Structure formats: C-alpha cells, structure tokens
Amino acid sequence: MKCEKCGYVSFDYNVACPACNKDLAQVRSRLGIFYLPPEVGLEGFFTGASDVAKSAVKAAPAAAKHEEAELDLDSVGDDFEFTLDD
C-alpha cells in the first residue's frame, strides 16, 4: 500500500505509514483492505509461549490410534522393482 502523503510503499497491515506516521485508515478502507494482524507471532505460536497457542493445542483433537496394516505387493504386478535403501 502506498502512502498518499510521502509515497512510501508499506505492508497492508500497517495502520500508519512507517515513514511519516500518517494514518492509513482511509486509504485502507477505500482499497477494501480489512487486514487484522495475527494475535501472536509464529515463534510464540510454535513454542507455546502465548495463550493463543495454548488454546489451539487444547482445541486440537486427540490423535487417533492407528493399527498396523500389511502392504500387499503382489497386487502391484511385475512392472515395478522394489529395493530397500540403507
């Protein structure tokens, strides 16, 4: 988004121009930009340092138990060669 006052090009989520501090609310409204910044940064989310991350972990469904299944390689045919790598 470009500031009308100084011409500085900045991110759409900025409420004010980083260069001249002009309020960008009218520009954002006219352009239809209704971006809300995230409540927490990625580092805080993945480290669990925020309340948002903690609530997301609590809301996640419990992992289902998986049963082991056998793979029937005979049904694949003779066109494939299977090897085991180290």
N, C-alpha and C. Protein backbone atom coordinates (compact mmCIF):
# COMPACT_ATOMS: atom_id res chain seq x y z
N MET A 1 0.85 -1.16 0.00
CA MET A 1 0.00 0.00 0.00
C MET A 1 0.90 1.23 0.00
N LYS A 2 0.52 2.24 -0.78
CA LYS A 2 1.34 3.43 -0.93
C LYS A 2 0.74 4.59 -0.13
N CYS A 3 1.56 5.23 0.66
CA CYS A 3 1.13 6.37 1.47
C CYS A 3 0.83 7.55 0.55
N GLU A 4 -0.32 8.20 0.75
CA GLU A 4 -0.69 9.35 -0.07
C GLU A 4 0.14 10.59 0.26
N LYS A 5 0.67 10.65 1.46
CA LYS A 5 1.42 11.83 1.88
C LYS A 5 2.86 11.81 1.39
N CYS A 6 3.59 10.71 1.66
CA CYS A 6 5.02 10.69 1.33
C CYS A 6 5.38 9.71 0.21
N GLY A 7 4.44 8.83 -0.18
CA GLY A 7 4.70 7.90 -1.26
C GLY A 7 5.39 6.61 -0.85
N TYR A 8 5.60 6.43 0.45
CA TYR A 8 6.26 5.23 0.95
C TYR A 8 5.36 4.02 0.73
N VAL A 9 5.93 2.94 0.22
CA VAL A 9 5.18 1.71 -0.02
C VAL A 9 5.42 0.78 1.17
N SER A 10 4.33 0.39 1.83
CA SER A 10 4.45 -0.44 3.03
C SER A 10 3.48 -1.61 2.97
N PHE A 11 3.49 -2.41 4.01
CA PHE A 11 2.60 -3.56 4.09
C PHE A 11 1.16 -3.13 4.35
N ASP A 12 0.22 -3.93 3.89
CA ASP A 12 -1.20 -3.61 4.03
C ASP A 12 -1.68 -3.59 5.47
N TYR A 13 -1.00 -4.28 6.36
CA TYR A 13 -1.47 -4.35 7.74
C TYR A 13 -1.06 -3.14 8.57
N ASN A 14 -0.21 -2.26 8.04
CA ASN A 14 0.19 -1.07 8.80
C ASN A 14 -0.97 -0.12 8.97
N VAL A 15 -1.19 0.34 10.19
CA VAL A 15 -2.25 1.28 10.50
C VAL A 15 -1.79 2.70 10.17
N ALA A 16 -0.50 2.95 10.32
CA ALA A 16 0.08 4.25 10.00
C ALA A 16 1.32 4.03 9.13
N CYS A 17 1.65 5.03 8.34
CA CYS A 17 2.83 4.96 7.47
C CYS A 17 4.08 4.87 8.33
N PRO A 18 4.95 3.89 8.08
CA PRO A 18 6.18 3.77 8.86
C PRO A 18 7.14 4.95 8.64
N ALA A 19 7.02 5.63 7.51
CA ALA A 19 7.94 6.72 7.20
C ALA A 19 7.49 8.06 7.78
N CYS A 20 6.20 8.41 7.59
CA CYS A 20 5.75 9.74 8.02
C CYS A 20 4.68 9.69 9.11
N ASN A 21 4.25 8.51 9.49
CA ASN A 21 3.27 8.30 10.56
C ASN A 21 1.87 8.79 10.21
N LYS A 22 1.55 8.94 8.92
CA LYS A 22 0.21 9.35 8.51
C LYS A 22 -0.75 8.19 8.72
N ASP A 23 -1.94 8.48 9.22
CA ASP A 23 -2.97 7.46 9.44
C ASP A 23 -3.42 6.93 8.08
N LEU A 24 -3.40 5.62 7.92
CA LEU A 24 -3.73 4.99 6.63
C LEU A 24 -5.12 4.36 6.64
N ALA A 25 -5.96 4.68 7.63
CA ALA A 25 -7.28 4.07 7.74
C ALA A 25 -8.15 4.38 6.53
N GLN A 26 -8.14 5.62 6.05
CA GLN A 26 -8.98 5.99 4.90
C GLN A 26 -8.51 5.29 3.63
N VAL A 27 -7.21 5.19 3.44
CA VAL A 27 -6.66 4.51 2.26
C VAL A 27 -7.03 3.04 2.30
N ARG A 28 -6.87 2.43 3.47
CA ARG A 28 -7.21 1.01 3.62
C ARG A 28 -8.69 0.78 3.35
N SER A 29 -9.56 1.64 3.86
CA SER A 29 -10.99 1.50 3.67
C SER A 29 -11.36 1.64 2.19
N ARG A 30 -10.79 2.64 1.52
CA ARG A 30 -11.08 2.87 0.11
C ARG A 30 -10.64 1.70 -0.75
N LEU A 31 -9.51 1.08 -0.39
CA LEU A 31 -8.99 -0.05 -1.15
C LEU A 31 -9.63 -1.38 -0.75
N GLY A 32 -10.46 -1.36 0.31
CA GLY A 32 -11.10 -2.59 0.75
C GLY A 32 -10.17 -3.51 1.50
N ILE A 33 -9.17 -2.95 2.16
CA ILE A 33 -8.20 -3.75 2.91
C ILE A 33 -8.64 -3.80 4.37
N PHE A 34 -9.06 -4.94 4.79
CA PHE A 34 -9.51 -5.12 6.16
C PHE A 34 -8.68 -6.22 6.81
N TYR A 35 -7.39 -6.00 6.88
CA TYR A 35 -6.45 -6.99 7.39
C TYR A 35 -6.25 -6.79 8.88
N LEU A 36 -6.35 -7.86 9.63
CA LEU A 36 -6.05 -7.83 11.05
C LEU A 36 -4.74 -8.58 11.27
N PRO A 37 -3.79 -7.97 11.96
CA PRO A 37 -2.53 -8.67 12.22
C PRO A 37 -2.77 -9.87 13.13
N PRO A 38 -1.93 -10.88 13.05
CA PRO A 38 -2.10 -12.05 13.92
C PRO A 38 -1.95 -11.68 15.38
N GLU A 39 -2.61 -12.44 16.23
CA GLU A 39 -2.56 -12.16 17.67
C GLU A 39 -1.21 -12.51 18.27
N VAL A 40 -0.49 -13.39 17.60
CA VAL A 40 0.81 -13.83 18.11
C VAL A 40 1.70 -14.16 16.92
N GLY A 41 3.00 -13.97 17.06
CA GLY A 41 3.94 -14.29 16.00
C GLY A 41 4.13 -15.80 15.87
N LEU A 42 4.76 -16.21 14.80
CA LEU A 42 4.99 -17.64 14.56
C LEU A 42 5.82 -18.29 15.65
N GLU A 43 6.86 -17.58 16.10
CA GLU A 43 7.72 -18.16 17.12
C GLU A 43 6.94 -18.39 18.42
N GLY A 44 6.13 -17.43 18.81
CA GLY A 44 5.33 -17.59 20.02
C GLY A 44 4.30 -18.70 19.88
N PHE A 45 3.75 -18.86 18.69
CA PHE A 45 2.75 -19.91 18.47
C PHE A 45 3.39 -21.29 18.56
N PHE A 46 4.53 -21.48 17.88
CA PHE A 46 5.13 -22.80 17.84
C PHE A 46 5.86 -23.18 19.12
N THR A 47 6.30 -22.19 19.88
CA THR A 47 6.96 -22.51 21.13
C THR A 47 5.96 -22.65 22.27
N GLY A 48 4.71 -22.25 22.03
CA GLY A 48 3.69 -22.34 23.06
C GLY A 48 3.80 -21.24 24.09
N ALA A 49 4.46 -20.15 23.74
CA ALA A 49 4.67 -19.06 24.69
C ALA A 49 3.48 -18.13 24.82
N SER A 50 2.41 -18.36 24.06
CA SER A 50 1.27 -17.47 24.12
C SER A 50 0.00 -18.22 24.52
N ASP A 51 -0.98 -17.47 24.98
CA ASP A 51 -2.27 -18.07 25.33
C ASP A 51 -2.99 -18.59 24.10
N VAL A 52 -2.78 -17.94 22.94
CA VAL A 52 -3.40 -18.39 21.70
C VAL A 52 -2.89 -19.77 21.33
N ALA A 53 -1.58 -19.99 21.45
CA ALA A 53 -1.00 -21.29 21.13
C ALA A 53 -1.51 -22.36 22.09
N LYS A 54 -1.61 -22.02 23.35
CA LYS A 54 -2.08 -22.99 24.34
C LYS A 54 -3.53 -23.38 24.08
N SER A 55 -4.37 -22.41 23.68
CA SER A 55 -5.76 -22.74 23.41
C SER A 55 -5.90 -23.56 22.14
N ALA A 56 -5.01 -23.34 21.16
CA ALA A 56 -5.05 -24.12 19.92
C ALA A 56 -4.67 -25.56 20.18
N VAL A 57 -3.71 -25.77 21.08
CA VAL A 57 -3.30 -27.13 21.41
C VAL A 57 -4.43 -27.85 22.14
N LYS A 58 -5.11 -27.15 23.03
CA LYS A 58 -6.21 -27.76 23.76
C LYS A 58 -7.38 -28.10 22.83
N ALA A 59 -7.59 -27.27 21.80
CA ALA A 59 -8.71 -27.48 20.89
C ALA A 59 -8.43 -28.56 19.86
N ALA A 60 -7.17 -28.93 19.66
CA ALA A 60 -6.82 -29.94 18.66
C ALA A 60 -7.36 -31.30 19.10
N PRO A 61 -7.93 -32.05 18.16
CA PRO A 61 -8.44 -33.38 18.51
C PRO A 61 -7.32 -34.33 18.88
N ALA A 62 -7.63 -35.25 19.75
CA ALA A 62 -6.64 -36.25 20.16
C ALA A 62 -6.29 -37.13 18.97
N ALA A 63 -5.03 -37.51 18.91
CA ALA A 63 -4.58 -38.36 17.81
C ALA A 63 -5.24 -39.73 17.91
N ALA A 64 -5.75 -40.18 16.80
CA ALA A 64 -6.40 -41.49 16.76
C ALA A 64 -5.34 -42.58 16.74
N LYS A 65 -5.66 -43.70 17.35
CA LYS A 65 -4.73 -44.83 17.33
C LYS A 65 -4.81 -45.49 15.96
N HIS A 66 -3.64 -45.77 15.41
CA HIS A 66 -3.58 -46.39 14.10
C HIS A 66 -3.15 -47.83 14.25
N GLU A 67 -3.82 -48.68 13.52
CA GLU A 67 -3.45 -50.09 13.52
C GLU A 67 -2.44 -50.32 12.40
N GLU A 68 -1.55 -51.25 12.62
CA GLU A 68 -0.58 -51.58 11.58
C GLU A 68 -1.29 -52.34 10.46
N ALA A 69 -0.92 -52.01 9.24
CA ALA A 69 -1.52 -52.67 8.08
C ALA A 69 -0.41 -53.28 7.24
N GLU A 70 -0.71 -54.37 6.60
CA GLU A 70 0.26 -55.00 5.71
C GLU A 70 0.03 -54.51 4.30
N LEU A 71 1.11 -54.35 3.58
CA LEU A 71 1.05 -53.90 2.21
C LEU A 71 1.18 -55.11 1.30
N ASP A 72 0.19 -55.30 0.45
CA ASP A 72 0.19 -56.43 -0.46
C ASP A 72 0.89 -56.03 -1.74
N LEU A 73 2.19 -56.39 -1.86
CA LEU A 73 2.97 -56.02 -3.03
C LEU A 73 2.73 -56.94 -4.21
N ASP A 74 2.10 -58.07 -3.99
CA ASP A 74 1.83 -59.00 -5.09
C ASP A 74 0.81 -58.42 -6.06
N SER A 75 -0.06 -57.56 -5.58
CA SER A 75 -1.10 -57.00 -6.44
C SER A 75 -0.56 -55.88 -7.33
N VAL A 76 0.69 -55.44 -7.13
CA VAL A 76 1.25 -54.34 -7.91
C VAL A 76 1.61 -54.81 -9.32
N GLY A 77 2.10 -56.01 -9.45
CA GLY A 77 2.46 -56.53 -10.76
C GLY A 77 3.96 -56.63 -10.93
N ASP A 78 4.39 -57.02 -12.12
CA ASP A 78 5.80 -57.24 -12.38
C ASP A 78 6.50 -56.00 -12.95
N ASP A 79 5.77 -54.92 -13.17
CA ASP A 79 6.36 -53.73 -13.80
C ASP A 79 7.20 -52.91 -12.84
N PHE A 80 7.12 -53.19 -11.57
CA PHE A 80 7.83 -52.38 -10.57
C PHE A 80 8.91 -53.20 -9.89
N GLU A 81 9.99 -52.54 -9.55
CA GLU A 81 11.05 -53.20 -8.81
C GLU A 81 11.18 -52.49 -7.45
N PHE A 82 11.12 -53.23 -6.40
CA PHE A 82 11.21 -52.66 -5.07
C PHE A 82 12.58 -52.96 -4.49
N THR A 83 13.22 -51.92 -3.97
CA THR A 83 14.52 -52.09 -3.33
C THR A 83 14.47 -51.44 -1.94
N LEU A 84 15.31 -51.92 -1.07
CA LEU A 84 15.43 -51.32 0.25
C LEU A 84 16.75 -50.59 0.31
N ASP A 85 16.69 -49.31 0.63
CA ASP A 85 17.90 -48.49 0.76
C ASP A 85 18.36 -48.50 2.19
N ASP A 86 19.65 -48.27 2.38
CA ASP A 86 20.21 -48.21 3.73
C ASP A 86 19.69 -47.03 4.49
